[in-house]
Amino acid sequence: MSYLEDPKEAKNISLEWLAMFTGIVTVIVSTYLIFGTEWNAYRVTNVVLGVAFLIFVTYAFTSSKNLKSSLSTTRSKAKALFVELEKTKTNLRKRN
C-alpha cells in the first residue's frame, strides 16, 4: 500500500538520531568541563542547561513542524480515499 507510506519518515528518524548524538556529546563535554578544567560544577551546569534548552526548543519546533506537515498529508490522503469510496458506493448503487 504505497499511498500509506510517508517518504519523510526516514528524515524524522535521522533528526531523532541527531538529537540523541548531540545529547551524548553534551554529556561528554560537560564531563570534561567539570573534571578537566577550572570551571566549577555550577558553571558547567548552567552552560549545559542553556545548551540543552536551546537544543530541546529547536528539536521540538522541528518535530512539531514535521508532524503538522505529516498530518496535512494524511488528511489529504484521507479526503482522496473518501472521494474514492463515495464514487465506489455510487457505482455499486447504480449496478443494483
C-alpha atoms as a PDB file:
ATOM      1  CA  MET A   1       0.000   0.000   0.000  1.00  0.00           C
ATOM      2  CA  SER A   2       2.235   2.737  -1.262  1.00  0.00           C
ATOM      3  CA  TYR A   3      -0.300   5.504  -0.685  1.00  0.00           C
ATOM      4  CA  LEU A   4       0.093   4.996   3.084  1.00  0.00           C
ATOM      5  CA  GLU A   5       3.885   5.241   3.101  1.00  0.00           C
ATOM      6  CA  ASP A   6       5.454   8.520   4.113  1.00  0.00           C
ATOM      7  CA  PRO A   7       8.709   9.481   2.350  1.00  0.00           C
ATOM      8  CA  LYS A   8       9.577  11.889   5.191  1.00  0.00           C
ATOM      9  CA  GLU A   9       9.720   9.047   7.746  1.00  0.00           C
ATOM     10  CA  ALA A  10      13.454   8.471   7.215  1.00  0.00           C
ATOM     11  CA  LYS A  11      14.126  12.183   7.709  1.00  0.00           C
ATOM     12  CA  ASN A  12      12.319  12.167  11.059  1.00  0.00           C
ATOM     13  CA  ILE A  13      14.350   9.203  12.259  1.00  0.00           C
ATOM     14  CA  SER A  14      17.642  10.856  11.294  1.00  0.00           C
ATOM     15  CA  LEU A  15      16.586  14.005  13.162  1.00  0.00           C
ATOM     16  CA  GLU A  16      15.986  11.955  16.295  1.00  0.00           C
ATOM     17  CA  TRP A  17      19.406  10.323  15.939  1.00  0.00           C
ATOM     18  CA  LEU A  18      20.974  13.764  15.573  1.00  0.00           C
ATOM     19  CA  ALA A  19      19.273  14.918  18.773  1.00  0.00           C
ATOM     20  CA  MET A  20      20.471  11.822  20.655  1.00  0.00           C
ATOM     21  CA  PHE A  21      24.013  12.246  19.328  1.00  0.00           C
ATOM     22  CA  THR A  22      24.005  15.891  20.399  1.00  0.00           C
ATOM     23  CA  GLY A  23      22.890  14.841  23.878  1.00  0.00           C
ATOM     24  CA  ILE A  24      25.723  12.334  24.152  1.00  0.00           C
ATOM     25  CA  VAL A  25      28.269  14.919  23.000  1.00  0.00           C
ATOM     26  CA  THR A  26      26.870  17.387  25.542  1.00  0.00           C
ATOM     27  CA  VAL A  27      27.312  14.884  28.363  1.00  0.00           C
ATOM     28  CA  ILE A  28      30.894  14.178  27.276  1.00  0.00           C
ATOM     29  CA  VAL A  29      31.746  17.886  27.013  1.00  0.00           C
ATOM     30  CA  SER A  30      30.172  18.658  30.387  1.00  0.00           C
ATOM     31  CA  THR A  31      32.140  15.820  31.994  1.00  0.00           C
ATOM     32  CA  TYR A  32      35.330  17.234  30.520  1.00  0.00           C
ATOM     33  CA  LEU A  33      34.472  20.742  31.712  1.00  0.00           C
ATOM     34  CA  ILE A  34      33.794  19.533  35.250  1.00  0.00           C
ATOM     35  CA  PHE A  35      36.862  17.336  35.640  1.00  0.00           C
ATOM     36  CA  GLY A  36      39.310  18.730  33.088  1.00  0.00           C
ATOM     37  CA  THR A  37      39.103  22.491  33.595  1.00  0.00           C
ATOM     38  CA  GLU A  38      38.978  25.020  36.387  1.00  0.00           C
ATOM     39  CA  TRP A  39      35.235  25.521  35.992  1.00  0.00           C
ATOM     40  CA  ASN A  40      33.112  24.575  38.943  1.00  0.00           C
ATOM     41  CA  ALA A  41      30.087  22.291  38.699  1.00  0.00           C
ATOM     42  CA  TYR A  42      27.590  25.162  38.954  1.00  0.00           C
ATOM     43  CA  ARG A  43      29.034  26.997  35.972  1.00  0.00           C
ATOM     44  CA  VAL A  44      29.088  23.804  33.892  1.00  0.00           C
ATOM     45  CA  THR A  45      25.522  23.019  34.926  1.00  0.00           C
ATOM     46  CA  ASN A  46      24.352  26.460  33.802  1.00  0.00           C
ATOM     47  CA  VAL A  47      26.084  26.136  30.445  1.00  0.00           C
ATOM     48  CA  VAL A  48      24.822  22.595  29.869  1.00  0.00           C
ATOM     49  CA  LEU A  49      21.260  23.511  30.809  1.00  0.00           C
ATOM     50  CA  GLY A  50      21.367  26.510  28.480  1.00  0.00           C
ATOM     51  CA  VAL A  51      22.649  24.451  25.570  1.00  0.00           C
ATOM     52  CA  ALA A  52      20.213  21.621  26.315  1.00  0.00           C
ATOM     53  CA  PHE A  53      17.304  24.058  26.410  1.00  0.00           C
ATOM     54  CA  LEU A  54      18.256  25.500  23.022  1.00  0.00           C
ATOM     55  CA  ILE A  55      18.576  22.008  21.552  1.00  0.00           C
ATOM     56  CA  PHE A  56      15.241  20.977  23.039  1.00  0.00           C
ATOM     57  CA  VAL A  57      13.414  24.032  21.698  1.00  0.00           C
ATOM     58  CA  THR A  58      14.935  23.565  18.242  1.00  0.00           C
ATOM     59  CA  TYR A  59      14.102  19.860  18.182  1.00  0.00           C
ATOM     60  CA  ALA A  60      10.555  20.449  19.446  1.00  0.00           C
ATOM     61  CA  PHE A  61       9.942  23.137  16.825  1.00  0.00           C
ATOM     62  CA  THR A  62      11.299  20.965  14.016  1.00  0.00           C
ATOM     63  CA  SER A  63       9.421  17.919  15.219  1.00  0.00           C
ATOM     64  CA  SER A  64       6.112  19.767  15.502  1.00  0.00           C
ATOM     65  CA  LYS A  65       6.617  21.254  12.049  1.00  0.00           C
ATOM     66  CA  ASN A  66       7.204  17.765  10.640  1.00  0.00           C
ATOM     67  CA  LEU A  67       4.145  16.442  12.462  1.00  0.00           C
ATOM     68  CA  LYS A  68       1.987  19.240  11.072  1.00  0.00           C
ATOM     69  CA  SER A  69       3.110  18.536   7.513  1.00  0.00           C
ATOM     70  CA  SER A  70       2.588  14.804   8.053  1.00  0.00           C
ATOM     71  CA  LEU A  71      -0.888  15.471   9.414  1.00  0.00           C
ATOM     72  CA  SER A  72      -1.838  17.637   6.447  1.00  0.00           C
ATOM     73  CA  THR A  73      -0.557  14.946   4.062  1.00  0.00           C
ATOM     74  CA  THR A  74      -2.551  12.299   5.905  1.00  0.00           C
ATOM     75  CA  ARG A  75      -5.681  14.456   5.819  1.00  0.00           C
ATOM     76  CA  SER A  76      -5.364  14.994   2.079  1.00  0.00           C
ATOM     77  CA  LYS A  77      -4.901  11.240   1.560  1.00  0.00           C
ATOM     78  CA  ALA A  78      -7.970  10.584   3.723  1.00  0.00           C
ATOM     79  CA  LYS A  79     -10.015  13.057   1.668  1.00  0.00           C
ATOM     80  CA  ALA A  80      -8.904  11.386  -1.557  1.00  0.00           C
ATOM     81  CA  LEU A  81      -9.799   7.966  -0.174  1.00  0.00           C
ATOM     82  CA  PHE A  82     -13.175   9.273   0.970  1.00  0.00           C
ATOM     83  CA  VAL A  83     -13.902  10.621  -2.516  1.00  0.00           C
ATOM     84  CA  GLU A  84     -12.905   7.277  -3.998  1.00  0.00           C
ATOM     85  CA  LEU A  85     -15.153   5.492  -1.513  1.00  0.00           C
ATOM     86  CA  GLU A  86     -18.096   7.702  -2.447  1.00  0.00           C
ATOM     87  CA  LYS A  87     -17.512   7.016  -6.152  1.00  0.00           C
ATOM     88  CA  THR A  88     -17.430   3.287  -5.463  1.00  0.00           C
ATOM     89  CA  LYS A  89     -20.648   3.479  -3.414  1.00  0.00           C
ATOM     90  CA  THR A  90     -22.334   5.421  -6.208  1.00  0.00           C
ATOM     91  CA  ASN A  91     -21.227   2.867  -8.814  1.00  0.00           C
ATOM     92  CA  LEU A  92     -22.490  -0.004  -6.640  1.00  0.00           C
ATOM     93  CA  ARG A  93     -25.879   1.700  -6.207  1.00  0.00           C
ATOM     94  CA  LYS A  94     -26.175   2.191  -9.968  1.00  0.00           C
ATOM     95  CA  ARG A  95     -25.476  -1.510 -10.593  1.00  0.00           C
ATOM     96  CA  ASN A  96     -28.212  -2.623  -8.191  1.00  0.00           C
END
